[in-house]
Amino acid sequence: MMNTEEIVQVLKNHSDLSDYEYTKVTKNASELFFVKKKMELNRVVNTDTVSIVVYKDVDDKRGSSMIAVTSADDADSLNSKITAAVKKAETALNPYYPLASNQTSLIKESANKESLNAIALKAAEAIDEANQSSESWLNATEIFVYVTRTEFLNSNDVHHVDTKLSVEFETIPTSSHNNEEFESYKYYRNNTFDKASIEQDIRDILHLVKQRSIARTIDTVNITKDTPVYMYGEMANLIVGNIMENTSYASHVTQSNHYDIDKPVSNTKFDMILKGQIEGAANARTFDNHGVVLKETEIIHDGINTNLFGDIQYGHYLNAKEITGSYPVAEIKAKNTVDALQPHLIIDHFSAPQLESASGYFGGEVRLARYFDGEKYIPLTGFSITGNIYEALQDVEFSSENTTTQKYQGPKYFIFKNLNIA
């Protein structure tokens, strides 16, 4: 494949384009595959992906088109692709917007001294150490350890390199009851190797799949509309993503936002700070897709939407004083938290959690929940729980227990009342 310098020189020679952005993603990976406790495959995967966005200005409009560069390309074929992309960009025009400029260059190369295979084997060892339940087991496990190097540059001399580690695994925990097997699913992702976190997640999912095997129907317990509902994990990520979506430049330009500047998102006092980097949050990155360096930005203070954020294109359309960039992760700071002492319902697994931004509908079919009756937890399954996220957030509460997910750092549980349980 052509190197970065060769590709940039071809771009600079094209007087028919107005601007360009270049991104090269190099991913080196170690992957392990297990059936129960037996390793079936240990492989190394290395890939390079190069993409270019070319921009063409026509009067006060700007069009763009993307090019994929392959290992078969040379200067001649790349020239042909650029010429075709420029012509295509001329046919899909939007109001003009600039590209990132005057950004402090960030060059973050890998500081990892261990081989990826060594880290993957350590992850496998941590999983095996935690996989000691006598009532549940892991049917299949796939471990992926990546180092991803992203190089970005554009025609305004912005140049960044970000290199990050990702430790991931997927596993199928299984348990049996009355000669019937029950399966669940666990996906784990972290931007650092955290042995304690891996072991705790495995112990938790083995316990939960056993609970699934003995779960009752909801009509066997006394749940009312006022029963607090604790949501975490994938649903919590969807909720955080929905708040971010509704405080973005893009949603305000398209008038699809449900929140407005200086208006409350919730009657509950909490802060939300957007960040590029959070240890443990796998989505973290130092700059966005347009090369804007990601600094901390508070968008919610005491439950009130105080700021917007997002893509340079939509920020320009809104005449934003300072373009923040598009953020991958957030920190939530709850001003008041609650402890789980009174009866409550924890939703552990939705069959397919849903959150529809336009209508606010969220919820789904519950595969496993646990009802605390004041003395003990009772596993439940086979019911649905739904609500409107914009209404539910008005009186949301947060747990005192904290967590770090792919998307955010903050309270582990979002606590809602008055949801529809059936």
Protein backbone atom coordinates (compact mmCIF):
# COMPACT_ATOMS: atom_id res chain seq x y z
CA MET A 1 0.00 0.00 0.00
CA MET A 2 1.15 3.56 -0.73
CA ASN A 3 2.54 5.29 2.35
CA THR A 4 1.15 8.44 3.90
CA GLU A 5 3.66 10.80 2.29
CA GLU A 6 2.99 9.41 -1.19
CA ILE A 7 -0.78 9.72 -0.81
CA VAL A 8 -0.59 13.27 0.56
CA GLN A 9 1.64 14.32 -2.32
CA VAL A 10 -0.92 13.03 -4.84
CA LEU A 11 -3.62 15.00 -3.02
CA LYS A 12 -1.54 18.18 -3.02
CA ASN A 13 -1.03 17.88 -6.77
CA HIS A 14 -4.80 18.00 -7.38
CA SER A 15 -5.78 21.61 -8.01
CA ASP A 16 -9.37 20.50 -8.75
CA LEU A 17 -10.13 19.74 -5.08
CA SER A 18 -10.64 22.39 -2.40
CA ASP A 19 -9.69 20.50 0.77
CA TYR A 20 -9.05 16.99 1.98
CA GLU A 21 -8.92 14.81 5.09
CA TYR A 22 -6.79 11.69 5.34
CA THR A 23 -7.24 8.91 7.91
CA LYS A 24 -5.15 5.76 8.26
CA VAL A 25 -6.15 3.14 10.82
CA THR A 26 -3.64 0.39 11.58
CA LYS A 27 -5.01 -2.41 13.74
CA ASN A 28 -2.88 -5.18 15.21
CA ALA A 29 -4.76 -7.88 17.06
CA SER A 30 -4.36 -11.09 19.00
CA GLU A 31 -7.47 -13.27 19.03
CA LEU A 32 -8.16 -16.37 21.13
CA PHE A 33 -11.13 -18.71 20.68
CA PHE A 34 -12.25 -21.18 23.35
CA VAL A 35 -14.87 -23.92 23.49
CA LYS A 36 -15.55 -24.24 27.21
CA LYS A 37 -12.02 -24.18 28.66
CA LYS A 38 -10.20 -25.54 25.62
CA MET A 39 -8.43 -23.09 23.29
CA GLU A 40 -9.36 -23.90 19.70
CA LEU A 41 -7.56 -21.06 17.91
CA ASN A 42 -4.87 -18.47 18.61
CA ARG A 43 -4.34 -16.07 15.74
CA VAL A 44 -2.79 -12.71 14.87
CA VAL A 45 -4.56 -10.23 12.60
CA ASN A 46 -2.98 -7.06 11.19
CA THR A 47 -4.87 -4.64 8.95
CA ASP A 48 -4.44 -1.19 7.43
CA THR A 49 -7.43 0.91 6.36
CA VAL A 50 -6.93 4.19 4.54
CA SER A 51 -9.74 6.59 3.70
CA ILE A 52 -9.74 10.05 2.16
CA VAL A 53 -12.51 12.64 2.10
CA VAL A 54 -12.14 15.16 -0.71
CA TYR A 55 -14.02 18.47 -0.65
CA LYS A 56 -15.08 20.63 -3.56
CA ASP A 57 -16.38 24.18 -3.18
CA VAL A 58 -18.83 25.60 -5.68
CA ASP A 59 -19.74 29.24 -4.99
CA ASP A 60 -20.87 29.28 -1.34
CA LYS A 61 -21.53 25.53 -1.25
CA ARG A 62 -19.34 22.59 -0.32
CA GLY A 63 -19.57 18.97 -1.40
CA SER A 64 -17.64 15.94 -0.22
CA SER A 65 -16.91 12.40 -1.31
CA MET A 66 -15.02 9.53 0.32
CA ILE A 67 -12.31 7.39 -1.26
CA ALA A 68 -11.08 4.02 0.01
CA VAL A 69 -7.40 3.42 -0.76
CA THR A 70 -6.43 -0.22 -1.27
CA SER A 71 -3.15 -2.09 -1.46
CA ALA A 72 -3.60 -2.30 -5.23
CA ASP A 73 -3.56 1.48 -5.68
CA ASP A 74 -0.63 3.40 -7.08
CA ALA A 75 -0.33 7.09 -8.01
CA ASP A 76 -2.18 6.63 -11.30
CA SER A 77 -5.16 4.75 -9.86
CA LEU A 78 -5.37 7.12 -6.90
CA ASN A 79 -5.38 10.09 -9.28
CA SER A 80 -8.31 8.55 -11.11
CA LYS A 81 -10.20 7.95 -7.86
CA ILE A 82 -9.65 11.55 -6.74
CA THR A 83 -10.82 12.98 -10.05
CA ALA A 84 -13.99 10.88 -9.91
CA ALA A 85 -14.58 11.81 -6.25
CA VAL A 86 -14.27 15.54 -6.99
CA LYS A 87 -16.88 15.26 -9.72
CA LYS A 88 -19.16 13.35 -7.38
CA ALA A 89 -18.69 15.97 -4.65
CA GLU A 90 -19.86 18.68 -7.06
CA THR A 91 -23.25 16.98 -7.32
CA ALA A 92 -24.01 16.78 -3.57
CA LEU A 93 -23.58 20.28 -2.16
CA ASN A 94 -24.31 21.64 1.32
CA PRO A 95 -23.87 25.09 2.82
CA TYR A 96 -20.14 25.76 3.22
CA TYR A 97 -18.34 24.77 6.41
CA PRO A 98 -14.59 24.84 7.18
CA LEU A 99 -12.30 22.01 8.21
CA ALA A 100 -10.37 21.90 11.47
CA SER A 101 -7.43 24.28 11.69
CA ASN A 102 -5.04 25.67 14.31
CA GLN A 103 -5.17 22.45 16.32
CA THR A 104 -2.30 21.55 18.62
CA SER A 105 -0.79 18.44 17.08
CA LEU A 106 -1.28 15.28 19.18
CA ILE A 107 1.13 12.43 18.56
CA LYS A 108 0.41 9.49 20.86
CA GLU A 109 2.32 6.39 19.92
CA SER A 110 1.97 3.05 21.68
CA ALA A 111 3.39 2.85 25.20
CA ASN A 112 2.48 -0.82 25.51
CA LYS A 113 5.51 -3.01 26.23
CA GLU A 114 3.76 -6.37 26.40
CA SER A 115 2.90 -8.38 23.33
CA LEU A 116 -0.78 -8.47 22.45
CA ASN A 117 -0.77 -12.24 22.72
CA ALA A 118 0.61 -11.99 26.26
CA ILE A 119 -2.22 -9.64 27.22
CA ALA A 120 -4.79 -11.91 25.57
CA LEU A 121 -3.44 -14.91 27.50
CA LYS A 122 -3.61 -12.89 30.75
CA ALA A 123 -7.25 -12.07 29.95
CA ALA A 124 -7.91 -15.77 29.33
CA GLU A 125 -6.27 -16.62 32.67
CA ALA A 126 -8.42 -14.04 34.48
CA ILE A 127 -11.57 -15.46 32.87
CA ASP A 128 -10.55 -19.00 33.81
CA GLU A 129 -9.83 -18.01 37.42
CA ALA A 130 -13.30 -16.50 37.73
CA ASN A 131 -14.98 -19.38 35.89
CA GLN A 132 -15.23 -21.62 38.95
CA SER A 133 -18.99 -21.73 39.47
CA SER A 134 -20.31 -25.21 40.16
CA GLU A 135 -23.73 -24.28 38.73
CA SER A 136 -22.84 -22.31 35.58
CA TRP A 137 -20.14 -22.44 32.91
CA LEU A 138 -18.89 -20.64 29.81
CA ASN A 139 -19.86 -22.53 26.66
CA ALA A 140 -17.75 -20.44 24.29
CA THR A 141 -15.44 -17.46 24.73
CA GLU A 142 -13.70 -15.22 22.19
CA ILE A 143 -10.97 -12.82 23.34
CA PHE A 144 -9.73 -9.90 21.24
CA VAL A 145 -6.84 -7.62 22.16
CA TYR A 146 -6.20 -4.76 19.75
CA VAL A 147 -3.77 -1.90 19.41
CA THR A 148 -5.29 0.63 17.05
CA ARG A 149 -3.17 3.45 15.62
CA THR A 150 -5.15 6.25 13.96
CA GLU A 151 -3.31 8.88 11.95
CA PHE A 152 -5.24 11.94 10.79
CA LEU A 153 -4.20 14.90 8.69
CA ASN A 154 -5.94 17.47 6.56
CA SER A 155 -5.18 20.24 4.06
CA ASN A 156 -5.02 22.80 6.91
CA ASP A 157 -1.87 21.15 8.32
CA VAL A 158 -3.69 19.45 11.18
CA HIS A 159 -1.81 16.25 12.04
CA HIS A 160 -2.61 13.80 14.86
CA VAL A 161 -1.73 10.25 15.82
CA ASP A 162 -3.67 8.35 18.48
CA THR A 163 -2.74 4.84 19.58
CA LYS A 164 -4.91 2.92 22.01
CA LEU A 165 -5.36 -0.53 23.49
CA SER A 166 -8.66 -2.39 23.54
CA VAL A 167 -9.29 -5.56 25.53
CA GLU A 168 -12.53 -7.30 24.54
CA PHE A 169 -14.24 -10.61 25.00
CA GLU A 170 -17.55 -12.23 24.12
CA THR A 171 -18.81 -15.24 26.02
CA ILE A 172 -21.88 -17.46 26.27
CA PRO A 173 -22.55 -18.28 29.94
CA THR A 174 -24.81 -21.29 30.46
CA SER A 175 -26.64 -22.88 33.35
CA SER A 176 -29.08 -25.76 33.73
CA HIS A 177 -32.17 -26.40 35.79
CA ASN A 178 -34.50 -29.39 35.66
CA ASN A 179 -32.54 -30.83 32.72
CA GLU A 180 -33.03 -27.63 30.65
CA GLU A 181 -30.14 -25.38 29.65
CA PHE A 182 -30.33 -21.58 29.74
CA GLU A 183 -27.91 -19.28 27.95
CA SER A 184 -27.01 -15.63 28.26
CA TYR A 185 -24.49 -13.35 26.55
CA LYS A 186 -21.70 -11.11 27.80
CA TYR A 187 -19.70 -8.55 25.82
CA TYR A 188 -16.84 -6.82 27.60
CA ARG A 189 -14.68 -3.97 26.31
CA ASN A 190 -12.06 -1.89 28.11
CA ASN A 191 -9.26 0.45 27.02
CA THR A 192 -6.87 -1.09 29.55
CA PHE A 193 -6.16 -4.56 30.89
CA ASP A 194 -8.04 -4.73 34.20
CA LYS A 195 -7.80 -8.19 35.72
CA ALA A 196 -10.15 -7.40 38.62
CA SER A 197 -12.78 -5.98 36.27
CA ILE A 198 -12.66 -9.04 34.01
CA GLU A 199 -12.96 -11.45 36.93
CA GLN A 200 -15.84 -9.53 38.48
CA ASP A 201 -17.75 -9.44 35.18
CA ILE A 202 -17.33 -13.20 34.73
CA ARG A 203 -18.46 -13.95 38.28
CA ASP A 204 -21.46 -11.65 37.82
CA ILE A 205 -22.60 -13.18 34.53
CA LEU A 206 -22.21 -16.75 35.83
CA HIS A 207 -24.38 -15.82 38.80
CA LEU A 208 -26.95 -14.09 36.61
CA VAL A 209 -27.32 -16.95 34.16
CA LYS A 210 -28.01 -19.25 37.11
CA GLN A 211 -30.65 -16.78 38.25
CA ARG A 212 -32.11 -16.90 34.75
CA SER A 213 -32.47 -20.68 34.98
CA ILE A 214 -34.62 -20.44 38.13
CA ALA A 215 -36.45 -17.20 37.28
CA ARG A 216 -40.16 -16.88 38.03
CA THR A 217 -42.92 -15.04 36.20
CA ILE A 218 -43.70 -11.50 37.34
CA ASP A 219 -47.18 -12.34 38.65
CA THR A 220 -45.57 -14.22 41.54
CA VAL A 221 -44.36 -10.99 43.19
CA ASN A 222 -46.02 -7.76 44.27
CA ILE A 223 -44.66 -5.10 41.91
CA THR A 224 -46.53 -1.79 41.68
CA LYS A 225 -46.19 1.21 39.38
CA ASP A 226 -44.26 3.01 42.12
CA THR A 227 -41.64 0.26 42.44
CA PRO A 228 -38.24 1.81 41.59
CA VAL A 229 -36.73 0.29 38.44
CA TYR A 230 -32.92 0.11 38.28
CA MET A 231 -31.42 0.12 34.77
CA TYR A 232 -27.73 -0.31 33.93
CA GLY A 233 -25.35 -1.68 31.32
CA GLU A 234 -26.50 -1.49 27.71
CA MET A 235 -29.66 0.47 28.53
CA ALA A 236 -27.66 3.01 30.55
CA ASN A 237 -25.35 3.46 27.55
CA LEU A 238 -28.39 4.09 25.32
CA ILE A 239 -29.74 6.68 27.76
CA VAL A 240 -26.41 8.53 27.93
CA GLY A 241 -26.17 8.43 24.14
CA ASN A 242 -29.69 9.84 23.86
CA ILE A 243 -28.84 12.78 26.14
CA MET A 244 -25.75 13.47 24.05
CA GLU A 245 -27.73 13.24 20.82
CA ASN A 246 -30.25 15.80 22.04
CA THR A 247 -27.56 18.26 23.12
CA SER A 248 -25.64 18.07 19.85
CA TYR A 249 -25.22 20.75 17.20
CA ALA A 250 -26.72 18.39 14.61
CA SER A 251 -29.99 17.86 16.48
CA HIS A 252 -30.45 21.62 16.85
CA VAL A 253 -29.70 22.30 13.19
CA THR A 254 -32.20 19.64 12.12
CA GLN A 255 -34.62 20.73 14.88
CA SER A 256 -34.91 17.18 16.18
CA ASN A 257 -33.68 18.11 19.67
CA HIS A 258 -35.82 17.57 22.77
CA TYR A 259 -33.65 19.81 24.98
CA ASP A 260 -32.88 23.51 24.68
CA ILE A 261 -30.07 25.68 26.01
CA ASP A 262 -30.69 26.92 29.57
CA LYS A 263 -33.70 24.61 29.90
CA PRO A 264 -33.89 21.60 32.25
CA VAL A 265 -33.20 18.09 31.06
CA SER A 266 -34.31 16.84 34.47
CA ASN A 267 -35.63 18.08 37.79
CA THR A 268 -32.86 15.98 39.34
CA LYS A 269 -29.58 17.83 39.82
CA PHE A 270 -26.70 16.20 37.99
CA ASP A 271 -23.79 17.29 35.81
CA MET A 272 -22.64 15.75 32.54
CA ILE A 273 -19.12 16.46 31.34
CA LEU A 274 -18.06 15.25 27.90
CA LYS A 275 -14.51 13.97 27.59
CA GLY A 276 -12.16 12.46 25.07
CA GLN A 277 -10.42 10.23 27.59
CA ILE A 278 -11.74 8.16 30.51
CA GLU A 279 -9.70 5.22 31.78
CA GLY A 280 -11.70 2.05 31.25
CA ALA A 281 -14.10 3.61 28.73
CA ALA A 282 -13.32 1.81 25.48
CA ASN A 283 -14.87 4.47 23.21
CA ALA A 284 -12.34 7.09 24.38
CA ARG A 285 -10.21 8.97 21.83
CA THR A 286 -8.14 12.15 21.76
CA PHE A 287 -9.58 13.79 18.63
CA ASP A 288 -12.73 13.41 16.55
CA ASN A 289 -13.24 12.36 12.93
CA HIS A 290 -12.47 15.89 11.69
CA GLY A 291 -9.30 16.23 13.76
CA VAL A 292 -10.76 18.49 16.46
CA VAL A 293 -8.90 17.95 19.74
CA LEU A 294 -11.34 16.89 22.45
CA LYS A 295 -11.17 18.96 25.63
CA GLU A 296 -13.55 18.60 28.57
CA THR A 297 -16.94 20.24 27.94
CA GLU A 298 -19.79 20.41 30.44
CA ILE A 299 -23.17 20.20 28.71
CA ILE A 300 -25.46 19.70 31.73
CA HIS A 301 -25.16 21.47 35.07
CA ASP A 302 -27.61 20.80 37.90
CA GLY A 303 -29.90 19.10 35.40
CA ILE A 304 -29.94 22.09 33.00
CA ASN A 305 -28.63 21.96 29.43
CA THR A 306 -25.90 24.62 29.51
CA ASN A 307 -23.95 23.93 26.34
CA LEU A 308 -24.02 22.17 22.97
CA PHE A 309 -21.32 20.14 21.28
CA GLY A 310 -20.52 18.30 18.12
CA ASP A 311 -19.30 18.10 14.58
CA ILE A 312 -17.51 21.08 13.03
CA GLN A 313 -20.02 21.21 10.16
CA TYR A 314 -23.07 21.69 12.35
CA GLY A 315 -21.20 23.84 14.84
CA HIS A 316 -20.37 26.22 11.99
CA TYR A 317 -24.01 26.32 10.93
CA LEU A 318 -24.95 27.34 14.50
CA ASN A 319 -22.16 29.96 14.66
CA ALA A 320 -20.70 28.24 17.72
CA LYS A 321 -18.01 30.37 19.35
CA GLU A 322 -15.70 27.39 19.81
CA ILE A 323 -16.21 24.07 18.08
CA THR A 324 -16.03 21.32 20.69
CA GLY A 325 -15.82 18.28 18.43
CA SER A 326 -17.82 15.05 18.60
CA TYR A 327 -17.28 13.32 21.92
CA PRO A 328 -17.13 9.56 22.51
CA VAL A 329 -17.56 9.38 26.31
CA ALA A 330 -19.07 11.29 29.23
CA GLU A 331 -18.81 11.60 32.98
CA ILE A 332 -21.98 11.92 35.06
CA LYS A 333 -21.78 13.50 38.49
CA ALA A 334 -24.90 12.92 40.57
CA LYS A 335 -25.57 15.52 43.28
CA ASN A 336 -27.71 13.11 45.33
CA THR A 337 -27.65 9.31 45.30
CA VAL A 338 -29.79 6.58 46.83
CA ASP A 339 -29.01 3.20 48.34
CA ALA A 340 -31.06 0.13 47.46
CA LEU A 341 -32.80 -0.55 50.78
CA GLN A 342 -36.48 -0.44 49.86
CA PRO A 343 -38.15 -2.91 47.45
CA HIS A 344 -36.92 -2.36 43.88
CA LEU A 345 -36.52 -4.07 40.51
CA ILE A 346 -33.14 -4.42 38.76
CA ILE A 347 -33.25 -5.05 35.01
CA ASP A 348 -30.24 -7.22 34.20
CA HIS A 349 -30.91 -8.21 30.58
CA PHE A 350 -33.28 -7.00 27.90
CA SER A 351 -33.79 -9.28 24.94
CA ALA A 352 -33.07 -6.27 22.71
CA PRO A 353 -33.03 -2.93 24.56
CA GLN A 354 -34.60 -0.09 22.58
CA LEU A 355 -34.55 3.68 22.78
CA GLU A 356 -36.24 5.62 20.00
CA SER A 357 -35.06 9.22 20.04
CA ALA A 358 -37.94 10.84 18.13
CA SER A 359 -40.76 9.43 20.27
CA GLY A 360 -38.79 8.82 23.46
CA TYR A 361 -39.94 5.19 23.68
CA PHE A 362 -37.51 3.00 25.61
CA GLY A 363 -37.53 -0.44 27.15
CA GLY A 364 -38.24 -3.89 25.75
CA GLU A 365 -38.73 -7.52 26.65
CA VAL A 366 -36.94 -8.51 29.85
CA ARG A 367 -35.00 -11.77 29.87
CA LEU A 368 -33.79 -11.39 33.45
CA ALA A 369 -34.62 -9.05 36.29
CA ARG A 370 -34.24 -9.29 40.06
CA TYR A 371 -36.91 -8.06 42.45
CA PHE A 372 -35.80 -7.12 45.96
CA ASP A 373 -38.74 -7.60 48.31
CA GLY A 374 -37.01 -5.96 51.28
CA GLU A 375 -35.22 -9.13 52.38
CA LYS A 376 -34.04 -11.10 49.35
CA TYR A 377 -33.69 -10.94 45.56
CA ILE A 378 -36.15 -12.95 43.44
CA PRO A 379 -35.18 -13.62 39.79
CA LEU A 380 -37.89 -12.83 37.22
CA THR A 381 -38.31 -13.28 33.47
CA GLY A 382 -40.86 -13.12 30.66
CA PHE A 383 -42.28 -9.60 30.92
CA SER A 384 -41.80 -6.20 29.30
CA ILE A 385 -41.02 -2.78 30.68
CA THR A 386 -41.48 0.44 28.72
CA GLY A 387 -41.67 4.19 29.19
CA ASN A 388 -40.87 7.56 27.68
CA ILE A 389 -37.27 8.57 28.33
CA TYR A 390 -37.99 12.30 28.28
CA GLU A 391 -40.68 11.90 30.93
CA ALA A 392 -38.74 9.33 32.95
CA LEU A 393 -35.62 11.52 33.17
CA GLN A 394 -37.58 14.30 34.85
CA ASP A 395 -37.48 12.47 38.19
CA VAL A 396 -34.57 10.09 37.61
CA GLU A 397 -32.47 9.08 40.60
CA PHE A 398 -28.96 7.66 40.67
CA SER A 399 -27.31 4.91 42.66
CA SER A 400 -24.41 5.55 45.02
CA GLU A 401 -22.60 2.65 43.31
CA ASN A 402 -20.43 3.81 40.39
CA THR A 403 -19.28 2.16 37.18
CA THR A 404 -17.30 2.74 34.00
CA THR A 405 -18.79 1.51 30.73
CA GLN A 406 -17.81 1.93 27.10
CA LYS A 407 -19.83 5.16 27.03
CA TYR A 408 -19.67 6.82 30.43
CA GLN A 409 -18.33 6.95 33.95
CA GLY A 410 -20.69 7.63 36.83
CA PRO A 411 -23.58 6.06 38.75
CA LYS A 412 -24.09 2.40 37.88
CA TYR A 413 -27.89 2.55 38.01
CA PHE A 414 -30.42 4.97 36.52
CA ILE A 415 -33.47 4.66 38.79
CA PHE A 416 -36.96 5.30 37.39
CA LYS A 417 -40.53 5.12 38.66
CA ASN A 418 -43.91 4.99 36.94
CA LEU A 419 -42.78 2.80 34.05
CA ASN A 420 -45.13 0.38 32.33
CA ILE A 421 -44.52 -3.16 33.59
CA ALA A 422 -46.49 -6.00 32.03
